[in-house]
């Protein structure tokens, strides 16, 4: 998971970022969003930062996976606390629009 979060999510190549987003989404499905937040503050913070970046990525495939992970994570109670503590205000506005659109 460290490699996916550190290297894959920030890679220059969109194909690598897309594969990283796909693998993170699969990991989220396997582990479960409850376990992600229960696994520790560091992992959940890093995952939320990576997912937030992926949700607004320039590559459409990366955006697709990032937005679906963001929607899944947003259903958790711990999400809003981490959201306000970690994501900068300037980045929150476009992500809130995405979440509102996906919830409709």
N, C-alpha and C. Protein backbone atom coordinates (compact mmCIF):
# COMPACT_ATOMS: atom_id res chain seq x y z
N UNK A 1 0.82 -1.18 0.00
CA UNK A 1 0.00 0.00 0.00
C UNK A 1 0.87 1.26 0.00
N UNK A 2 2.00 1.20 0.68
CA UNK A 2 2.90 2.35 0.71
C UNK A 2 3.40 2.71 -0.69
N UNK A 3 3.73 1.71 -1.48
CA UNK A 3 4.22 1.97 -2.84
C UNK A 3 3.12 2.60 -3.67
N UNK A 4 1.90 2.10 -3.55
CA UNK A 4 0.79 2.68 -4.31
C UNK A 4 0.56 4.13 -3.93
N UNK A 5 0.60 4.41 -2.64
CA UNK A 5 0.34 5.77 -2.18
C UNK A 5 1.50 6.72 -2.45
N UNK A 6 2.73 6.25 -2.29
CA UNK A 6 3.89 7.13 -2.46
C UNK A 6 4.28 7.34 -3.91
N UNK A 7 4.37 6.27 -4.66
CA UNK A 7 4.91 6.37 -6.01
C UNK A 7 3.82 6.38 -7.07
N UNK A 8 2.92 5.41 -7.00
CA UNK A 8 1.93 5.25 -8.06
C UNK A 8 0.97 6.40 -8.21
N UNK A 9 0.51 6.96 -7.10
CA UNK A 9 -0.48 8.03 -7.19
C UNK A 9 0.10 9.35 -7.67
N UNK A 10 1.41 9.52 -7.58
CA UNK A 10 2.06 10.76 -8.03
C UNK A 10 2.89 10.59 -9.29
N UNK A 11 2.74 9.47 -9.96
CA UNK A 11 3.55 9.19 -11.15
C UNK A 11 3.15 10.11 -12.30
N UNK A 12 4.10 10.39 -13.19
CA UNK A 12 3.85 11.27 -14.34
C UNK A 12 2.95 10.62 -15.38
N UNK A 13 3.07 9.32 -15.54
CA UNK A 13 2.34 8.60 -16.59
C UNK A 13 0.89 8.34 -16.15
N UNK A 14 -0.09 8.75 -16.96
CA UNK A 14 -1.49 8.53 -16.60
C UNK A 14 -1.86 7.05 -16.50
N UNK A 15 -1.21 6.20 -17.29
CA UNK A 15 -1.51 4.76 -17.22
C UNK A 15 -1.10 4.18 -15.87
N UNK A 16 0.01 4.64 -15.33
CA UNK A 16 0.47 4.18 -14.02
C UNK A 16 -0.49 4.67 -12.94
N UNK A 17 -0.91 5.93 -13.04
CA UNK A 17 -1.86 6.46 -12.07
C UNK A 17 -3.20 5.74 -12.16
N UNK A 18 -3.61 5.37 -13.37
CA UNK A 18 -4.87 4.64 -13.55
C UNK A 18 -4.79 3.25 -12.92
N UNK A 19 -3.68 2.56 -13.14
CA UNK A 19 -3.50 1.24 -12.52
C UNK A 19 -3.44 1.36 -11.00
N UNK A 20 -2.79 2.39 -10.52
CA UNK A 20 -2.72 2.62 -9.08
C UNK A 20 -4.11 2.86 -8.51
N UNK A 21 -4.89 3.68 -9.20
CA UNK A 21 -6.25 3.96 -8.74
C UNK A 21 -7.10 2.69 -8.74
N UNK A 22 -6.95 1.88 -9.78
CA UNK A 22 -7.68 0.61 -9.85
C UNK A 22 -7.29 -0.31 -8.70
N UNK A 23 -6.00 -0.44 -8.44
CA UNK A 23 -5.54 -1.31 -7.37
C UNK A 23 -5.97 -0.79 -5.99
N UNK A 24 -5.94 0.51 -5.80
CA UNK A 24 -6.40 1.06 -4.53
C UNK A 24 -7.90 0.82 -4.35
N UNK A 25 -8.65 0.94 -5.43
CA UNK A 25 -10.09 0.69 -5.35
C UNK A 25 -10.36 -0.78 -5.02
N UNK A 26 -9.60 -1.67 -5.64
CA UNK A 26 -9.75 -3.10 -5.34
C UNK A 26 -9.36 -3.39 -3.90
N UNK A 27 -8.30 -2.76 -3.43
CA UNK A 27 -7.88 -2.93 -2.04
C UNK A 27 -8.94 -2.43 -1.08
N UNK A 28 -9.56 -1.33 -1.42
CA UNK A 28 -10.61 -0.76 -0.59
C UNK A 28 -11.81 -1.71 -0.53
N UNK A 29 -12.13 -2.34 -1.66
CA UNK A 29 -13.22 -3.32 -1.69
C UNK A 29 -12.89 -4.54 -0.85
N UNK A 30 -11.66 -5.01 -0.95
CA UNK A 30 -11.26 -6.22 -0.22
C UNK A 30 -11.17 -5.96 1.28
N UNK A 31 -10.47 -4.90 1.65
CA UNK A 31 -10.27 -4.60 3.06
C UNK A 31 -11.54 -4.05 3.69
N UNK A 32 -12.22 -3.20 2.97
CA UNK A 32 -13.43 -2.56 3.49
C UNK A 32 -13.12 -1.19 4.05
N UNK A 33 -14.05 -0.27 3.84
CA UNK A 33 -13.81 1.10 4.29
C UNK A 33 -13.79 1.21 5.81
N UNK A 34 -14.49 0.31 6.50
CA UNK A 34 -14.44 0.33 7.97
C UNK A 34 -13.04 0.04 8.48
N UNK A 35 -12.40 -0.94 7.87
CA UNK A 35 -11.06 -1.33 8.29
C UNK A 35 -10.01 -0.28 7.93
N UNK A 36 -10.23 0.44 6.85
CA UNK A 36 -9.29 1.50 6.46
C UNK A 36 -9.23 2.56 7.56
N UNK A 37 -10.39 2.99 8.04
CA UNK A 37 -10.41 4.01 9.08
C UNK A 37 -9.97 3.45 10.43
N UNK A 38 -10.18 2.15 10.63
CA UNK A 38 -9.77 1.53 11.90
C UNK A 38 -8.28 1.17 11.91
N UNK A 39 -7.65 1.14 10.74
CA UNK A 39 -6.25 0.69 10.64
C UNK A 39 -5.26 1.69 11.21
N UNK A 40 -5.66 2.89 11.36
CA UNK A 40 -4.76 3.89 11.92
C UNK A 40 -4.90 5.22 11.21
N UNK A 41 -4.52 6.24 11.91
CA UNK A 41 -4.69 7.60 11.40
C UNK A 41 -3.79 7.87 10.19
N UNK A 42 -2.58 7.37 10.22
CA UNK A 42 -1.61 7.67 9.16
C UNK A 42 -2.07 7.08 7.83
N UNK A 43 -2.47 5.82 7.84
CA UNK A 43 -2.89 5.16 6.59
C UNK A 43 -4.16 5.81 6.05
N UNK A 44 -5.13 6.06 6.93
CA UNK A 44 -6.38 6.64 6.46
C UNK A 44 -6.17 8.06 5.93
N UNK A 45 -5.29 8.83 6.56
CA UNK A 45 -5.00 10.18 6.08
C UNK A 45 -4.33 10.14 4.71
N UNK A 46 -3.34 9.27 4.57
CA UNK A 46 -2.62 9.19 3.29
C UNK A 46 -3.54 8.70 2.18
N UNK A 47 -4.42 7.75 2.49
CA UNK A 47 -5.36 7.26 1.49
C UNK A 47 -6.34 8.35 1.09
N UNK A 48 -6.83 9.10 2.05
CA UNK A 48 -7.78 10.17 1.75
C UNK A 48 -7.13 11.26 0.89
N UNK A 49 -5.89 11.59 1.16
CA UNK A 49 -5.18 12.57 0.34
C UNK A 49 -5.01 12.06 -1.08
N UNK A 50 -4.59 10.79 -1.22
CA UNK A 50 -4.40 10.21 -2.55
C UNK A 50 -5.71 10.12 -3.32
N UNK A 51 -6.77 9.70 -2.65
CA UNK A 51 -8.08 9.58 -3.31
C UNK A 51 -8.59 10.96 -3.73
N UNK A 52 -8.36 11.96 -2.91
CA UNK A 52 -8.79 13.32 -3.25
C UNK A 52 -8.06 13.84 -4.48
N UNK A 53 -6.78 13.52 -4.59
CA UNK A 53 -6.02 13.92 -5.78
C UNK A 53 -6.51 13.17 -7.01
N UNK A 54 -6.79 11.88 -6.84
CA UNK A 54 -7.24 11.07 -7.97
C UNK A 54 -8.62 11.50 -8.46
N UNK A 55 -9.47 11.97 -7.56
CA UNK A 55 -10.83 12.36 -7.93
C UNK A 55 -10.86 13.58 -8.85
N UNK A 56 -9.80 14.37 -8.87
CA UNK A 56 -9.74 15.55 -9.74
C UNK A 56 -8.59 15.46 -10.74
N UNK A 57 -8.11 14.25 -10.98
CA UNK A 57 -6.98 14.03 -11.89
C UNK A 57 -7.39 14.38 -13.33
N UNK A 58 -6.40 14.71 -14.14
CA UNK A 58 -6.66 15.06 -15.54
C UNK A 58 -7.07 13.85 -16.38
N UNK A 59 -6.60 12.67 -16.02
CA UNK A 59 -6.92 11.45 -16.77
C UNK A 59 -8.29 10.93 -16.32
N UNK A 60 -9.15 10.66 -17.29
CA UNK A 60 -10.53 10.28 -16.97
C UNK A 60 -10.63 8.95 -16.22
N UNK A 61 -9.77 7.99 -16.56
CA UNK A 61 -9.82 6.69 -15.88
C UNK A 61 -9.41 6.82 -14.41
N UNK A 62 -8.45 7.67 -14.15
CA UNK A 62 -8.01 7.91 -12.77
C UNK A 62 -9.13 8.59 -12.00
N UNK A 63 -9.76 9.58 -12.63
CA UNK A 63 -10.87 10.31 -12.01
C UNK A 63 -12.02 9.37 -11.65
N UNK A 64 -12.33 8.45 -12.56
CA UNK A 64 -13.43 7.52 -12.34
C UNK A 64 -13.21 6.70 -11.07
N UNK A 65 -12.03 6.11 -10.94
CA UNK A 65 -11.73 5.30 -9.76
C UNK A 65 -11.63 6.18 -8.50
N UNK A 66 -11.02 7.34 -8.64
CA UNK A 66 -10.89 8.24 -7.50
C UNK A 66 -12.23 8.71 -6.97
N UNK A 67 -13.14 9.04 -7.88
CA UNK A 67 -14.45 9.51 -7.46
C UNK A 67 -15.27 8.39 -6.81
N UNK A 68 -15.16 7.18 -7.35
CA UNK A 68 -15.91 6.08 -6.74
C UNK A 68 -15.37 5.75 -5.35
N UNK A 69 -14.04 5.81 -5.17
CA UNK A 69 -13.47 5.58 -3.84
C UNK A 69 -13.88 6.69 -2.88
N UNK A 70 -13.91 7.93 -3.37
CA UNK A 70 -14.30 9.06 -2.53
C UNK A 70 -15.74 8.90 -2.06
N UNK A 71 -16.61 8.44 -2.94
CA UNK A 71 -18.01 8.22 -2.57
C UNK A 71 -18.13 7.13 -1.51
N UNK A 72 -17.40 6.04 -1.68
CA UNK A 72 -17.43 4.95 -0.70
C UNK A 72 -16.91 5.42 0.66
N UNK A 73 -15.82 6.15 0.64
CA UNK A 73 -15.24 6.62 1.90
C UNK A 73 -16.12 7.67 2.58
N UNK A 74 -16.85 8.45 1.78
CA UNK A 74 -17.67 9.53 2.35
C UNK A 74 -18.85 8.99 3.14
N UNK A 75 -19.18 7.74 2.99
CA UNK A 75 -20.30 7.14 3.72
C UNK A 75 -19.94 6.80 5.17
N UNK A 76 -18.67 6.90 5.50
CA UNK A 76 -18.21 6.57 6.85
C UNK A 76 -18.32 7.78 7.77
N UNK A 77 -18.54 7.51 9.05
CA UNK A 77 -18.67 8.59 10.03
C UNK A 77 -17.36 9.35 10.23
N UNK A 78 -16.24 8.63 10.18
CA UNK A 78 -14.94 9.25 10.42
C UNK A 78 -14.49 10.14 9.26
N UNK A 79 -15.15 10.00 8.14
CA UNK A 79 -14.74 10.72 6.93
C UNK A 79 -14.78 12.23 7.13
N UNK A 80 -15.87 12.74 7.68
CA UNK A 80 -16.01 14.20 7.77
C UNK A 80 -14.96 14.83 8.68
N UNK A 81 -14.58 14.13 9.74
CA UNK A 81 -13.54 14.66 10.63
C UNK A 81 -12.21 14.72 9.90
N UNK A 82 -11.83 13.63 9.24
CA UNK A 82 -10.58 13.62 8.48
C UNK A 82 -10.63 14.62 7.34
N UNK A 83 -11.76 14.69 6.68
CA UNK A 83 -11.96 15.59 5.54
C UNK A 83 -11.62 17.02 5.93
N UNK A 84 -12.17 17.49 7.04
CA UNK A 84 -11.94 18.88 7.46
C UNK A 84 -10.54 19.10 8.01
N UNK A 85 -9.92 18.07 8.56
CA UNK A 85 -8.58 18.23 9.13
C UNK A 85 -7.47 18.12 8.09
N UNK A 86 -7.68 17.34 7.05
CA UNK A 86 -6.59 17.02 6.12
C UNK A 86 -6.67 17.78 4.81
N UNK A 87 -7.83 17.81 4.20
CA UNK A 87 -7.97 18.41 2.87
C UNK A 87 -8.04 19.92 3.00
N UNK A 88 -7.16 20.65 2.30
CA UNK A 88 -7.18 22.12 2.36
C UNK A 88 -8.50 22.68 1.81
N UNK A 89 -8.88 23.82 2.30
CA UNK A 89 -10.16 24.44 1.92
C UNK A 89 -10.26 24.66 0.42
N UNK A 90 -9.17 25.05 -0.22
CA UNK A 90 -9.21 25.33 -1.66
C UNK A 90 -9.46 24.06 -2.47
N UNK A 91 -9.08 22.91 -1.94
CA UNK A 91 -9.30 21.64 -2.64
C UNK A 91 -10.65 21.02 -2.30
N UNK A 92 -11.24 21.44 -1.19
CA UNK A 92 -12.51 20.86 -0.75
C UNK A 92 -13.68 21.22 -1.65
N UNK A 93 -13.70 22.44 -2.15
CA UNK A 93 -14.85 22.91 -2.92
C UNK A 93 -15.11 22.06 -4.17
N UNK A 94 -14.12 21.82 -5.03
CA UNK A 94 -14.40 20.97 -6.20
C UNK A 94 -14.77 19.54 -5.82
N UNK A 95 -14.18 19.04 -4.74
CA UNK A 95 -14.50 17.68 -4.30
C UNK A 95 -15.91 17.59 -3.74
N UNK A 96 -16.37 18.64 -3.08
CA UNK A 96 -17.74 18.66 -2.58
C UNK A 96 -18.74 18.67 -3.73
N UNK A 97 -18.41 19.39 -4.80
CA UNK A 97 -19.28 19.38 -5.98
C UNK A 97 -19.36 17.99 -6.58
N UNK A 98 -18.22 17.31 -6.65
CA UNK A 98 -18.18 15.95 -7.19
C UNK A 98 -19.03 15.02 -6.33
N UNK A 99 -18.89 15.11 -5.03
CA UNK A 99 -19.67 14.25 -4.13
C UNK A 99 -21.16 14.52 -4.24
N UNK A 100 -21.55 15.78 -4.33
CA UNK A 100 -22.97 16.10 -4.48
C UNK A 100 -23.53 15.55 -5.78
N UNK A 101 -22.76 15.66 -6.85
CA UNK A 101 -23.20 15.16 -8.14
C UNK A 101 -23.33 13.63 -8.13
N UNK A 102 -22.41 12.96 -7.46
CA UNK A 102 -22.43 11.50 -7.42
C UNK A 102 -23.53 10.96 -6.51
N UNK A 103 -23.92 11.70 -5.51
CA UNK A 103 -24.96 11.26 -4.58
C UNK A 103 -26.36 11.40 -5.16
N UNK A 104 -26.51 12.15 -6.22
CA UNK A 104 -27.84 12.35 -6.83
C UNK A 104 -28.28 11.17 -7.62
